[in-house]
Amino acid sequence: MVTFEQGRIAGNELFEVEHQRLSRLVADMDRLREGATVEELAGEAPPCLERWQLVQRPASCLVGLSFGHPLLPGIGRPIITSDLVLLTTDGSWARTVSRWYRLGTPADPESASKGYRPWN
């Protein structure tokens, strides 16, 4: 997840790195849809992972009461969002893998008034 200030994206290195990373992912998915092979996309010397296994790890997300969600109807419906990707430093907007959320009153208004800056 990357935090950012609206109107101040230029110079935000973490934002740019994440943007490039996700752009490459979408470009690969587009190419697969067009018929490219994984071997074509992986390049000449992709890393190899031995003794691998599929595991799951926690990812940042949001929980809260949803109003106006296009797929989860209801007023004040408790939800858990998909993985959180972007969050404005003032805590007013969040972008998950699926969509943007306008953030209302936080569960803990005291911490939100200080801004959410997990790496500062």
PDB file of N, CA and C in Angstrom:
ATOM      1  N   MET A   1       0.833  -1.163   0.000  1.00  0.00           N
ATOM      2  CA  MET A   1       0.000   0.000   0.000  1.00  0.00           C
ATOM      3  C   MET A   1       0.884   1.235   0.000  1.00  0.00           C
ATOM      4  N   VAL A   2       0.471   2.250  -0.742  1.00  0.00           N
ATOM      5  CA  VAL A   2       1.215   3.502  -0.840  1.00  0.00           C
ATOM      6  C   VAL A   2       0.329   4.636  -0.327  1.00  0.00           C
ATOM      7  N   THR A   3       0.855   5.445   0.586  1.00  0.00           N
ATOM      8  CA  THR A   3       0.122   6.642   0.995  1.00  0.00           C
ATOM      9  C   THR A   3       0.580   7.793   0.120  1.00  0.00           C
ATOM     10  N   PHE A   4      -0.350   8.748  -0.118  1.00  0.00           N
ATOM     11  CA  PHE A   4      -0.029   9.892  -0.967  1.00  0.00           C
ATOM     12  C   PHE A   4      -0.896  11.084  -0.599  1.00  0.00           C
ATOM     13  N   GLU A   5      -0.388  12.273  -0.932  1.00  0.00           N
ATOM     14  CA  GLU A   5      -1.163  13.495  -0.750  1.00  0.00           C
ATOM     15  C   GLU A   5      -1.757  13.882  -2.094  1.00  0.00           C
ATOM     16  N   GLN A   6      -3.057  14.175  -2.107  1.00  0.00           N
ATOM     17  CA  GLN A   6      -3.699  14.579  -3.352  1.00  0.00           C
ATOM     18  C   GLN A   6      -3.008  15.832  -3.896  1.00  0.00           C
ATOM     19  N   GLY A   7      -2.774  15.815  -5.200  1.00  0.00           N
ATOM     20  CA  GLY A   7      -2.142  16.965  -5.842  1.00  0.00           C
ATOM     21  C   GLY A   7      -0.633  17.008  -5.677  1.00  0.00           C
ATOM     22  N   ARG A   8      -0.054  16.036  -4.980  1.00  0.00           N
ATOM     23  CA  ARG A   8       1.389  16.027  -4.736  1.00  0.00           C
ATOM     24  C   ARG A   8       1.997  14.670  -5.068  1.00  0.00           C
ATOM     25  N   ILE A   9       1.632  14.137  -6.225  1.00  0.00           N
ATOM     26  CA  ILE A   9       2.148  12.829  -6.629  1.00  0.00           C
ATOM     27  C   ILE A   9       3.576  12.953  -7.148  1.00  0.00           C
ATOM     28  N   ALA A  10       3.843  14.033  -7.876  1.00  0.00           N
ATOM     29  CA  ALA A  10       5.187  14.228  -8.440  1.00  0.00           C
ATOM     30  C   ALA A  10       6.221  14.173  -7.317  1.00  0.00           C
ATOM     31  N   GLY A  11       7.243  13.362  -7.522  1.00  0.00           N
ATOM     32  CA  GLY A  11       8.309  13.246  -6.537  1.00  0.00           C
ATOM     33  C   GLY A  11       8.067  12.175  -5.488  1.00  0.00           C
ATOM     34  N   ASN A  12       6.890  11.552  -5.483  1.00  0.00           N
ATOM     35  CA  ASN A  12       6.605  10.482  -4.525  1.00  0.00           C
ATOM     36  C   ASN A  12       7.171   9.188  -5.099  1.00  0.00           C
ATOM     37  N   GLU A  13       8.372   8.843  -4.670  1.00  0.00           N
ATOM     38  CA  GLU A  13       9.087   7.688  -5.225  1.00  0.00           C
ATOM     39  C   GLU A  13       8.333   6.379  -5.038  1.00  0.00           C
ATOM     40  N   LEU A  14       7.771   6.176  -3.855  1.00  0.00           N
ATOM     41  CA  LEU A  14       7.036   4.936  -3.604  1.00  0.00           C
ATOM     42  C   LEU A  14       5.823   4.817  -4.524  1.00  0.00           C
ATOM     43  N   PHE A  15       5.138   5.924  -4.770  1.00  0.00           N
ATOM     44  CA  PHE A  15       3.995   5.915  -5.687  1.00  0.00           C
ATOM     45  C   PHE A  15       4.442   5.499  -7.076  1.00  0.00           C
ATOM     46  N   GLU A  16       5.550   6.078  -7.539  1.00  0.00           N
ATOM     47  CA  GLU A  16       6.051   5.768  -8.886  1.00  0.00           C
ATOM     48  C   GLU A  16       6.482   4.306  -9.007  1.00  0.00           C
ATOM     49  N   VAL A  17       7.148   3.791  -7.997  1.00  0.00           N
ATOM     50  CA  VAL A  17       7.578   2.392  -8.024  1.00  0.00           C
ATOM     51  C   VAL A  17       6.366   1.469  -8.095  1.00  0.00           C
ATOM     52  N   GLU A  18       5.357   1.725  -7.278  1.00  0.00           N
ATOM     53  CA  GLU A  18       4.158   0.888  -7.280  1.00  0.00           C
ATOM     54  C   GLU A  18       3.402   1.022  -8.603  1.00  0.00           C
ATOM     55  N   HIS A  19       3.349   2.231  -9.133  1.00  0.00           N
ATOM     56  CA  HIS A  19       2.680   2.448 -10.426  1.00  0.00           C
ATOM     57  C   HIS A  19       3.358   1.636 -11.528  1.00  0.00           C
ATOM     58  N   GLN A  20       4.659   1.677 -11.572  1.00  0.00           N
ATOM     59  CA  GLN A  20       5.403   0.920 -12.584  1.00  0.00           C
ATOM     60  C   GLN A  20       5.207  -0.577 -12.400  1.00  0.00           C
ATOM     61  N   ARG A  21       5.228  -1.046 -11.157  1.00  0.00           N
ATOM     62  CA  ARG A  21       5.059  -2.470 -10.870  1.00  0.00           C
ATOM     63  C   ARG A  21       3.690  -2.957 -11.326  1.00  0.00           C
ATOM     64  N   LEU A  22       2.650  -2.212 -10.987  1.00  0.00           N
ATOM     65  CA  LEU A  22       1.293  -2.614 -11.372  1.00  0.00           C
ATOM     66  C   LEU A  22       1.065  -2.452 -12.873  1.00  0.00           C
ATOM     67  N   SER A  23       1.683  -1.448 -13.484  1.00  0.00           N
ATOM     68  CA  SER A  23       1.563  -1.268 -14.936  1.00  0.00           C
ATOM     69  C   SER A  23       2.164  -2.453 -15.680  1.00  0.00           C
ATOM     70  N   ARG A  24       3.301  -2.956 -15.189  1.00  0.00           N
ATOM     71  CA  ARG A  24       3.911  -4.132 -15.813  1.00  0.00           C
ATOM     72  C   ARG A  24       3.013  -5.361 -15.662  1.00  0.00           C
ATOM     73  N   LEU A  25       2.379  -5.506 -14.501  1.00  0.00           N
ATOM     74  CA  LEU A  25       1.470  -6.625 -14.278  1.00  0.00           C
ATOM     75  C   LEU A  25       0.297  -6.562 -15.260  1.00  0.00           C
ATOM     76  N   VAL A  26      -0.317  -5.396 -15.391  1.00  0.00           N
ATOM     77  CA  VAL A  26      -1.455  -5.245 -16.308  1.00  0.00           C
ATOM     78  C   VAL A  26      -1.007  -5.466 -17.746  1.00  0.00           C
ATOM     79  N   ALA A  27       0.167  -4.983 -18.103  1.00  0.00           N
ATOM     80  CA  ALA A  27       0.672  -5.195 -19.470  1.00  0.00           C
ATOM     81  C   ALA A  27       0.856  -6.687 -19.744  1.00  0.00           C
ATOM     82  N   ASP A  28       1.396  -7.442 -18.780  1.00  0.00           N
ATOM     83  CA  ASP A  28       1.546  -8.888 -18.951  1.00  0.00           C
ATOM     84  C   ASP A  28       0.184  -9.563 -19.089  1.00  0.00           C
ATOM     85  N   MET A  29      -0.780  -9.157 -18.282  1.00  0.00           N
ATOM     86  CA  MET A  29      -2.114  -9.748 -18.369  1.00  0.00           C
ATOM     87  C   MET A  29      -2.743  -9.454 -19.730  1.00  0.00           C
ATOM     88  N   ASP A  30      -2.554  -8.228 -20.225  1.00  0.00           N
ATOM     89  CA  ASP A  30      -3.067  -7.877 -21.560  1.00  0.00           C
ATOM     90  C   ASP A  30      -2.431  -8.751 -22.627  1.00  0.00           C
ATOM     91  N   ARG A  31      -1.120  -8.945 -22.528  1.00  0.00           N
ATOM     92  CA  ARG A  31      -0.415  -9.767 -23.521  1.00  0.00           C
ATOM     93  C   ARG A  31      -0.852 -11.220 -23.457  1.00  0.00           C
ATOM     94  N   LEU A  32      -1.088 -11.761 -22.265  1.00  0.00           N
ATOM     95  CA  LEU A  32      -1.598 -13.127 -22.142  1.00  0.00           C
ATOM     96  C   LEU A  32      -2.972 -13.244 -22.802  1.00  0.00           C
ATOM     97  N   ARG A  33      -3.805 -12.244 -22.594  1.00  0.00           N
ATOM     98  CA  ARG A  33      -5.130 -12.225 -23.208  1.00  0.00           C
ATOM     99  C   ARG A  33      -5.022 -12.235 -24.728  1.00  0.00           C
ATOM    100  N   GLU A  34      -3.970 -11.607 -25.246  1.00  0.00           N
ATOM    101  CA  GLU A  34      -3.755 -11.523 -26.692  1.00  0.00           C
ATOM    102  C   GLU A  34      -3.083 -12.772 -27.258  1.00  0.00           C
ATOM    103  N   GLY A  35      -2.725 -13.732 -26.392  1.00  0.00           N
ATOM    104  CA  GLY A  35      -2.162 -14.976 -26.881  1.00  0.00           C
ATOM    105  C   GLY A  35      -0.684 -15.174 -26.645  1.00  0.00           C
ATOM    106  N   ALA A  36      -0.015 -14.246 -25.976  1.00  0.00           N
ATOM    107  CA  ALA A  36       1.411 -14.415 -25.674  1.00  0.00           C
ATOM    108  C   ALA A  36       1.592 -15.589 -24.717  1.00  0.00           C
ATOM    109  N   THR A  37       2.761 -16.213 -24.768  1.00  0.00           N
ATOM    110  CA  THR A  37       3.063 -17.298 -23.831  1.00  0.00           C
ATOM    111  C   THR A  37       3.817 -16.743 -22.627  1.00  0.00           C
ATOM    112  N   VAL A  38       3.762 -17.477 -21.528  1.00  0.00           N
ATOM    113  CA  VAL A  38       4.499 -17.076 -20.328  1.00  0.00           C
ATOM    114  C   VAL A  38       5.993 -17.021 -20.639  1.00  0.00           C
ATOM    115  N   GLU A  39       6.492 -17.970 -21.436  1.00  0.00           N
ATOM    116  CA  GLU A  39       7.910 -17.986 -21.793  1.00  0.00           C
ATOM    117  C   GLU A  39       8.307 -16.696 -22.511  1.00  0.00           C
ATOM    118  N   GLU A  40       7.437 -16.180 -23.371  1.00  0.00           N
ATOM    119  CA  GLU A  40       7.717 -14.910 -24.061  1.00  0.00           C
ATOM    120  C   GLU A  40       7.768 -13.750 -23.071  1.00  0.00           C
ATOM    121  N   LEU A  41       6.877 -13.765 -22.122  1.00  0.00           N
ATOM    122  CA  LEU A  41       6.784 -12.653 -21.176  1.00  0.00           C
ATOM    123  C   LEU A  41       7.877 -12.693 -20.113  1.00  0.00           C
ATOM    124  N   ALA A  42       8.316 -13.883 -19.729  1.00  0.00           N
ATOM    125  CA  ALA A  42       9.281 -14.022 -18.640  1.00  0.00           C
ATOM    126  C   ALA A  42      10.689 -13.579 -19.026  1.00  0.00           C
ATOM    127  N   GLY A  43      10.991 -13.561 -20.314  1.00  0.00           N
ATOM    128  CA  GLY A  43      12.317 -13.126 -20.743  1.00  0.00           C
ATOM    129  C   GLY A  43      13.319 -14.264 -20.748  1.00  0.00           C
ATOM    130  N   GLU A  44      14.587 -13.888 -20.969  1.00  0.00           N
ATOM    131  CA  GLU A  44      15.628 -14.890 -21.168  1.00  0.00           C
ATOM    132  C   GLU A  44      16.091 -15.594 -19.903  1.00  0.00           C
ATOM    133  N   ALA A  45      16.138 -14.925 -18.791  1.00  0.00           N
ATOM    134  CA  ALA A  45      16.688 -15.544 -17.581  1.00  0.00           C
ATOM    135  C   ALA A  45      15.827 -15.235 -16.356  1.00  0.00           C
ATOM    136  N   PRO A  46      14.595 -15.742 -16.329  1.00  0.00           N
ATOM    137  CA  PRO A  46      13.765 -15.479 -15.147  1.00  0.00           C
ATOM    138  C   PRO A  46      14.312 -16.247 -13.947  1.00  0.00           C
ATOM    139  N   PRO A  47      14.116 -15.733 -12.740  1.00  0.00           N
ATOM    140  CA  PRO A  47      14.565 -16.471 -11.558  1.00  0.00           C
ATOM    141  C   PRO A  47      13.768 -17.759 -11.412  1.00  0.00           C
ATOM    142  N   CYS A  48      14.370 -18.752 -10.784  1.00  0.00           N
ATOM    143  CA  CYS A  48      13.719 -20.032 -10.538  1.00  0.00           C
ATOM    144  C   CYS A  48      13.490 -20.167  -9.030  1.00  0.00           C
ATOM    145  N   LEU A  49      12.340 -20.686  -8.657  1.00  0.00           N
ATOM    146  CA  LEU A  49      12.007 -20.881  -7.250  1.00  0.00           C
ATOM    147  C   LEU A  49      11.893 -22.381  -6.990  1.00  0.00           C
ATOM    148  N   GLU A  50      12.813 -22.929  -6.197  1.00  0.00           N
ATOM    149  CA  GLU A  50      12.814 -24.349  -5.857  1.00  0.00           C
ATOM    150  C   GLU A  50      12.124 -24.557  -4.514  1.00  0.00           C
ATOM    151  N   ARG A  51      11.644 -25.780  -4.300  1.00  0.00           N
ATOM    152  CA  ARG A  51      10.979 -26.163  -3.051  1.00  0.00           C
ATOM    153  C   ARG A  51       9.885 -25.169  -2.677  1.00  0.00           C
ATOM    154  N   TRP A  52       9.179 -24.685  -3.684  1.00  0.00           N
ATOM    155  CA  TRP A  52       8.162 -23.664  -3.450  1.00  0.00           C
ATOM    156  C   TRP A  52       6.878 -24.300  -2.931  1.00  0.00           C
ATOM    157  N   GLN A  53       6.088 -23.473  -2.273  1.00  0.00           N
ATOM    158  CA  GLN A  53       4.761 -23.881  -1.827  1.00  0.00           C
ATOM    159  C   GLN A  53       3.850 -22.668  -1.810  1.00  0.00           C
ATOM    160  N   LEU A  54       2.590 -22.939  -1.976  1.00  0.00           N
ATOM    161  CA  LEU A  54       1.588 -21.884  -1.964  1.00  0.00           C
ATOM    162  C   LEU A  54       1.199 -21.599  -0.518  1.00  0.00           C
ATOM    163  N   VAL A  55       1.333 -20.343  -0.089  1.00  0.00           N
ATOM    164  CA  VAL A  55       0.954 -19.929   1.257  1.00  0.00           C
ATOM    165  C   VAL A  55       0.127 -18.656   1.143  1.00  0.00           C
ATOM    166  N   GLN A  56      -0.429 -18.227   2.230  1.00  0.00           N
ATOM    167  CA  GLN A  56      -1.154 -16.964   2.251  1.00  0.00           C
ATOM    168  C   GLN A  56      -0.595 -16.104   3.363  1.00  0.00           C
ATOM    169  N   ARG A  57      -0.636 -14.800   3.139  1.00  0.00           N
ATOM    170  CA  ARG A  57      -0.171 -13.857   4.145  1.00  0.00           C
ATOM    171  C   ARG A  57      -1.181 -12.732   4.255  1.00  0.00           C
ATOM    172  N   PRO A  58      -1.188 -12.054   5.374  1.00  0.00           N
ATOM    173  CA  PRO A  58      -2.128 -10.937   5.518  1.00  0.00           C
ATOM    174  C   PRO A  58      -1.746  -9.790   4.581  1.00  0.00           C
ATOM    175  N   ALA A  59      -2.747  -9.114   4.109  1.00  0.00           N
ATOM    176  CA  ALA A  59      -2.538  -7.916   3.291  1.00  0.00           C
ATOM    177  C   ALA A  59      -3.372  -6.788   3.886  1.00  0.00           C
ATOM    178  N   SER A  60      -2.912  -5.567   3.737  1.00  0.00           N
ATOM    179  CA  SER A  60      -3.685  -4.430   4.229  1.00  0.00           C
ATOM    180  C   SER A  60      -5.008  -4.357   3.487  1.00  0.00           C
ATOM    181  N   CYS A  61      -6.055  -4.093   4.234  1.00  0.00           N
ATOM    182  CA  CYS A  61      -7.375  -3.900   3.652  1.00  0.00           C
ATOM    183  C   CYS A  61      -8.141  -2.986   4.604  1.00  0.00           C
ATOM    184  N   LEU A  62      -9.352  -2.673   4.272  1.00  0.00           N
ATOM    185  CA  LEU A  62     -10.191  -1.861   5.141  1.00  0.00           C
ATOM    186  C   LEU A  62     -11.414  -2.662   5.554  1.00  0.00           C
ATOM    187  N   VAL A  63     -11.920  -2.390   6.731  1.00  0.00           N
ATOM    188  CA  VAL A  63     -13.209  -2.914   7.172  1.00  0.00           C
ATOM    189  C   VAL A  63     -14.060  -1.717   7.535  1.00  0.00           C
ATOM    190  N   GLY A  64     -15.342  -1.851   7.380  1.00  0.00           N
ATOM    191  CA  GLY A  64     -16.213  -0.748   7.739  1.00  0.00           C
ATOM    192  C   GLY A  64     -17.633  -1.009   7.277  1.00  0.00           C
ATOM    193  N   LEU A  65     -18.449   0.007   7.405  1.00  0.00           N
ATOM    194  CA  LEU A  65     -19.851  -0.071   7.006  1.00  0.00           C
ATOM    195  C   LEU A  65     -19.995   0.582   5.644  1.00  0.00           C
ATOM    196  N   SER A  66     -20.498  -0.186   4.685  1.00  0.00           N
ATOM    197  CA  SER A  66     -20.571   0.254   3.301  1.00  0.00           C
ATOM    198  C   SER A  66     -21.920   0.899   2.978  1.00  0.00           C
ATOM    199  N   PHE A  67     -21.854   1.990   2.227  1.00  0.00           N
ATOM    200  CA  PHE A  67     -23.037   2.684   1.732  1.00  0.00           C
ATOM    201  C   PHE A  67     -22.845   2.898   0.237  1.00  0.00           C
ATOM    202  N   GLY A  68     -23.714   2.354  -0.587  1.00  0.00           N
ATOM    203  CA  GLY A  68     -23.649   2.587  -2.026  1.00  0.00           C
ATOM    204  C   GLY A  68     -22.663   1.710  -2.776  1.00  0.00           C
ATOM    205  N   HIS A  69     -22.280   0.584  -2.226  1.00  0.00           N
ATOM    206  CA  HIS A  69     -21.352  -0.316  -2.923  1.00  0.00           C
ATOM    207  C   HIS A  69     -22.074  -0.944  -4.110  1.00  0.00           C
ATOM    208  N   PRO A  70     -21.429  -0.981  -5.303  1.00  0.00           N
ATOM    209  CA  PRO A  70     -22.117  -1.484  -6.486  1.00  0.00           C
ATOM    210  C   PRO A  70     -22.393  -2.987  -6.472  1.00  0.00           C
ATOM    211  N   LEU A  71     -21.640  -3.767  -5.705  1.00  0.00           N
ATOM    212  CA  LEU A  71     -21.825  -5.223  -5.690  1.00  0.00           C
ATOM    213  C   LEU A  71     -22.346  -5.759  -4.357  1.00  0.00           C
ATOM    214  N   LEU A  72     -22.233  -4.967  -3.307  1.00  0.00           N
ATOM    215  CA  LEU A  72     -22.662  -5.396  -1.980  1.00  0.00           C
ATOM    216  C   LEU A  72     -23.753  -4.450  -1.490  1.00  0.00           C
ATOM    217  N   PRO A  73     -25.001  -4.709  -1.869  1.00  0.00           N
ATOM    218  CA  PRO A  73     -26.083  -3.761  -1.547  1.00  0.00           C
ATOM    219  C   PRO A  73     -26.373  -3.710  -0.050  1.00  0.00           C
ATOM    220  N   GLY A  74     -26.964  -2.625   0.323  1.00  0.00           N
ATOM    221  CA  GLY A  74     -27.363  -2.444   1.716  1.00  0.00           C
ATOM    222  C   GLY A  74     -26.878  -1.117   2.246  1.00  0.00           C
ATOM    223  N   ILE A  75     -27.475  -0.712   3.327  1.00  0.00           N
ATOM    224  CA  ILE A  75     -27.102   0.543   3.978  1.00  0.00           C
ATOM    225  C   ILE A  75     -26.414   0.196   5.285  1.00  0.00           C
ATOM    226  N   GLY A  76     -25.164   0.593   5.411  1.00  0.00           N
ATOM    227  CA  GLY A  76     -24.402   0.280   6.610  1.00  0.00           C
ATOM    228  C   GLY A  76     -24.020  -1.185   6.694  1.00  0.00           C
ATOM    229  N   ARG A  77     -23.828  -1.816   5.533  1.00  0.00           N
ATOM    230  CA  ARG A  77     -23.470  -3.239   5.488  1.00  0.00           C
ATOM    231  C   ARG A  77     -22.001  -3.419   5.872  1.00  0.00           C
ATOM    232  N   PRO A  78     -21.697  -4.266   6.842  1.00  0.00           N
ATOM    233  CA  PRO A  78     -20.291  -4.517   7.201  1.00  0.00           C
ATOM    234  C   PRO A  78     -19.583  -5.239   6.049  1.00  0.00           C
ATOM    235  N   ILE A  79     -18.421  -4.736   5.662  1.00  0.00           N
ATOM    236  CA  ILE A  79     -17.640  -5.369   4.596  1.00  0.00           C
ATOM    237  C   ILE A  79     -16.162  -5.383   4.956  1.00  0.00           C
ATOM    238  N   ILE A  80     -15.434  -6.218   4.253  1.00  0.00           N
ATOM    239  CA  ILE A  80     -13.972  -6.211   4.247  1.00  0.00           C
ATOM    240  C   ILE A  80     -13.594  -5.979   2.794  1.00  0.00           C
ATOM    241  N   THR A  81     -12.750  -4.992   2.526  1.00  0.00           N
ATOM    242  CA  THR A  81     -12.391  -4.668   1.151  1.00  0.00           C
ATOM    243  C   THR A  81     -11.342  -5.637   0.616  1.00  0.00           C
ATOM    244  N   SER A  82     -11.106  -5.539  -0.673  1.00  0.00           N
ATOM    245  CA  SER A  82      -9.965  -6.232  -1.266  1.00  0.00           C
ATOM    246  C   SER A  82      -8.687  -5.534  -0.799  1.00  0.00           C
ATOM    247  N   ASP A  83      -7.539  -6.038  -1.210  1.00  0.00           N
ATOM    248  CA  ASP A  83      -6.255  -5.489  -0.768  1.00  0.00           C
ATOM    249  C   ASP A  83      -6.173  -3.985  -0.991  1.00  0.00           C
ATOM    250  N   LEU A  84      -5.701  -3.286   0.010  1.00  0.00           N
ATOM    251  CA  LEU A  84      -5.540  -1.838  -0.051  1.00  0.00           C
ATOM    252  C   LEU A  84      -4.260  -1.500  -0.799  1.00  0.00           C
ATOM    253  N   VAL A  85      -4.376  -0.600  -1.799  1.00  0.00           N
ATOM    254  CA  VAL A  85      -3.226  -0.231  -2.621  1.00  0.00           C
ATOM    255  C   VAL A  85      -2.801   1.210  -2.350  1.00  0.00           C
ATOM    256  N   LEU A  86      -3.764   2.135  -2.272  1.00  0.00           N
ATOM    257  CA  LEU A  86      -3.471   3.552  -2.077  1.00  0.00           C
ATOM    258  C   LEU A  86      -4.338   4.119  -0.956  1.00  0.00           C
ATOM    259  N   LEU A  87      -3.769   5.078  -0.202  1.00  0.00           N
ATOM    260  CA  LEU A  87      -4.502   5.752   0.856  1.00  0.00           C
ATOM    261  C   LEU A  87      -3.994   7.185   0.951  1.00  0.00           C
ATOM    262  N   THR A  88      -4.914   8.161   0.879  1.00  0.00           N
ATOM    263  CA  THR A  88      -4.476   9.555   1.023  1.00  0.00           C
ATOM    264  C   THR A  88      -4.002   9.774   2.455  1.00  0.00           C
ATOM    265  N   THR A  89      -3.015  10.625   2.613  1.00  0.00           N
ATOM    266  CA  THR A  89      -2.441  10.846   3.936  1.00  0.00           C
ATOM    267  C   THR A  89      -3.445  11.476   4.893  1.00  0.00           C
ATOM    268  N   ASP A  90      -4.459  12.167   4.358  1.00  0.00           N
ATOM    269  CA  ASP A  90      -5.462  12.762   5.238  1.00  0.00           C
ATOM    270  C   ASP A  90      -6.599  11.790   5.566  1.00  0.00           C
ATOM    271  N   GLY A  91      -6.518  10.555   5.032  1.00  0.00           N
ATOM    272  CA  GLY A  91      -7.519   9.550   5.347  1.00  0.00           C
ATOM    273  C   GLY A  91      -8.879   9.794   4.726  1.00  0.00           C
ATOM    274  N   SER A  92      -8.937  10.516   3.603  1.00  0.00           N
ATOM    275  CA  SER A  92     -10.231  10.797   2.984  1.00  0.00           C
ATOM    276  C   SER A  92     -10.559   9.875   1.813  1.00  0.00           C
ATOM    277  N   TRP A  93      -9.557   9.262   1.193  1.00  0.00           N
ATOM    278  CA  TRP A  93      -9.760   8.379   0.047  1.00  0.00           C
ATOM    279  C   TRP A  93      -8.871   7.156   0.154  1.00  0.00           C
ATOM    280  N   ALA A  94      -9.374   6.026  -0.357  1.00  0.00           N
ATOM    281  CA  ALA A  94      -8.600   4.789  -0.407  1.00  0.00           C
ATOM    282  C   ALA A  94      -8.878   4.098  -1.734  1.00  0.00           C
ATOM    283  N   ARG A  95      -7.840   3.461  -2.303  1.00  0.00           N
ATOM    284  CA  ARG A  95      -8.001   2.677  -3.534  1.00  0.00           C
ATOM    285  C   ARG A  95      -7.608   1.256  -3.222  1.00  0.00           C
ATOM    286  N   THR A  96      -8.551   0.339  -3.355  1.00  0.00           N
ATOM    287  CA  THR A  96      -8.255  -1.073  -3.200  1.00  0.00           C
ATOM    288  C   THR A  96      -7.974  -1.641  -4.588  1.00  0.00           C
ATOM    289  N   VAL A  97      -7.676  -2.913  -4.659  1.00  0.00           N
ATOM    290  CA  VAL A  97      -7.472  -3.550  -5.952  1.00  0.00           C
ATOM    291  C   VAL A  97      -8.728  -3.387  -6.810  1.00  0.00           C
ATOM    292  N   SER A  98      -9.893  -3.384  -6.185  1.00  0.00           N
ATOM    293  CA  SER A  98     -11.160  -3.353  -6.915  1.00  0.00           C
ATOM    294  C   SER A  98     -11.695  -1.969  -7.248  1.00  0.00           C
ATOM    295  N   ARG A  99     -11.565  -1.012  -6.327  1.00  0.00           N
ATOM    296  CA  ARG A  99     -12.243   0.275  -6.546  1.00  0.00           C
ATOM    297  C   ARG A  99     -11.747   1.343  -5.575  1.00  0.00           C
ATOM    298  N   TRP A 100     -12.201   2.578  -5.821  1.00  0.00           N
ATOM    299  CA  TRP A 100     -11.977   3.707  -4.917  1.00  0.00           C
ATOM    300  C   TRP A 100     -13.050   3.696  -3.835  1.00  0.00           C
ATOM    301  N   TYR A 101     -12.684   4.126  -2.631  1.00  0.00           N
ATOM    302  CA  TYR A 101     -13.635   4.345  -1.551  1.00  0.00           C
ATOM    303  C   TYR A 101     -13.441   5.761  -1.027  1.00  0.00           C
ATOM    304  N   ARG A 102     -14.537   6.480  -0.877  1.00  0.00           N
ATOM    305  CA  ARG A 102     -14.526   7.757  -0.163  1.00  0.00           C
ATOM    306  C   ARG A 102     -14.650   7.381   1.302  1.00  0.00           C
ATOM    307  N   LEU A 103     -13.727   7.826   2.133  1.00  0.00           N
ATOM    308  CA  LEU A 103     -13.717   7.414   3.532  1.00  0.00           C
ATOM    309  C   LEU A 103     -14.446   8.427   4.394  1.00  0.00           C
ATOM    310  N   GLY A 104     -15.369   7.933   5.166  1.00  0.00           N
ATOM    311  CA  GLY A 104     -16.119   8.777   6.090  1.00  0.00           C
ATOM    312  C   GLY A 104     -15.436   8.816   7.443  1.00  0.00           C
ATOM    313  N   THR A 105     -16.245   8.795   8.477  1.00  0.00           N
ATOM    314  CA  THR A 105     -15.733   8.856   9.843  1.00  0.00           C
ATOM    315  C   THR A 105     -14.984   7.566  10.187  1.00  0.00           C
ATOM    316  N   PRO A 106     -13.743   7.681  10.644  1.00  0.00           N
ATOM    317  CA  PRO A 106     -12.992   6.466  11.014  1.00  0.00           C
ATOM    318  C   PRO A 106     -13.481   5.891  12.341  1.00  0.00           C
ATOM    319  N   ALA A 107     -13.167   4.631  12.575  1.00  0.00           N
ATOM    320  CA  ALA A 107     -13.523   3.987  13.834  1.00  0.00           C
ATOM    321  C   ALA A 107     -12.807   4.654  15.000  1.00  0.00           C
ATOM    322  N   ASP A 108     -11.590   5.159  14.760  1.00  0.00           N
ATOM    323  CA  ASP A 108     -10.804   5.834  15.791  1.00  0.00           C
ATOM    324  C   ASP A 108     -10.466   7.237  15.295  1.00  0.00           C
ATOM    325  N   PRO A 109     -11.380   8.219  15.484  1.00  0.00           N
ATOM    326  CA  PRO A 109     -11.154   9.574  14.963  1.00  0.00           C
ATOM    327  C   PRO A 109      -9.868  10.232  15.450  1.00  0.00           C
ATOM    328  N   GLU A 110      -9.401   9.884  16.650  1.00  0.00           N
ATOM    329  CA  GLU A 110      -8.184  10.502  17.188  1.00  0.00           C
ATOM    330  C   GLU A 110      -6.961  10.174  16.334  1.00  0.00           C
ATOM    331  N   SER A 111      -6.796   8.923  15.955  1.00  0.00           N
ATOM    332  CA  SER A 111      -5.634   8.558  15.146  1.00  0.00           C
ATOM    333  C   SER A 111      -5.768   9.091  13.730  1.00  0.00           C
ATOM    334  N   ALA A 112      -6.989   9.183  13.207  1.00  0.00           N
ATOM    335  CA  ALA A 112      -7.188   9.684  11.845  1.00  0.00           C
ATOM    336  C   ALA A 112      -6.874  11.164  11.755  1.00  0.00           C
ATOM    337  N   SER A 113      -7.093  11.925  12.831  1.00  0.00           N
ATOM    338  CA  SER A 113      -6.837  13.356  12.779  1.00  0.00           C
ATOM    339  C   SER A 113      -5.342  13.647  12.648  1.00  0.00           C
ATOM    340  N   LYS A 114      -4.502  12.693  13.011  1.00  0.00           N
ATOM    341  CA  LYS A 114      -3.059  12.853  12.882  1.00  0.00           C
ATOM    342  C   LYS A 114      -2.573  12.455  11.505  1.00  0.00           C
ATOM    343  N   GLY A 115      -3.456  11.908  10.686  1.00  0.00           N
ATOM    344  CA  GLY A 115      -3.064  11.417   9.348  1.00  0.00           C
ATOM    345  C   GLY A 115      -2.499  10.017   9.467  1.00  0.00           C
ATOM    346  N   TYR A 116      -2.699   9.228   8.429  1.00  0.00           N
ATOM    347  CA  TYR A 116      -2.222   7.851   8.458  1.00  0.00           C
ATOM    348  C   TYR A 116      -0.896   7.791   7.730  1.00  0.00           C
ATOM    349  N   ARG A 117       0.177   7.593   8.456  1.00  0.00           N
ATOM    350  CA  ARG A 117       1.502   7.512   7.881  1.00  0.00           C
ATOM    351  C   ARG A 117       2.251   6.358   8.518  1.00  0.00           C
ATOM    352  N   PRO A 118       2.007   5.140   8.031  1.00  0.00           N
ATOM    353  CA  PRO A 118       2.575   3.976   8.707  1.00  0.00           C
ATOM    354  C   PRO A 118       4.088   3.906   8.643  1.00  0.00           C
ATOM    355  N   TRP A 119       4.720   4.623   7.727  1.00  0.00           N
ATOM    356  CA  TRP A 119       6.183   4.527   7.600  1.00  0.00           C
ATOM    357  C   TRP A 119       6.893   5.735   8.160  1.00  0.00           C
ATOM    358  N   ASN A 120       6.169   6.685   8.711  1.00  0.00           N
ATOM    359  CA  ASN A 120       6.819   7.889   9.267  1.00  0.00           C
ATOM    360  C   ASN A 120       7.028   7.742  10.759  1.00  0.00           C
TER     361      ASN A 120
END
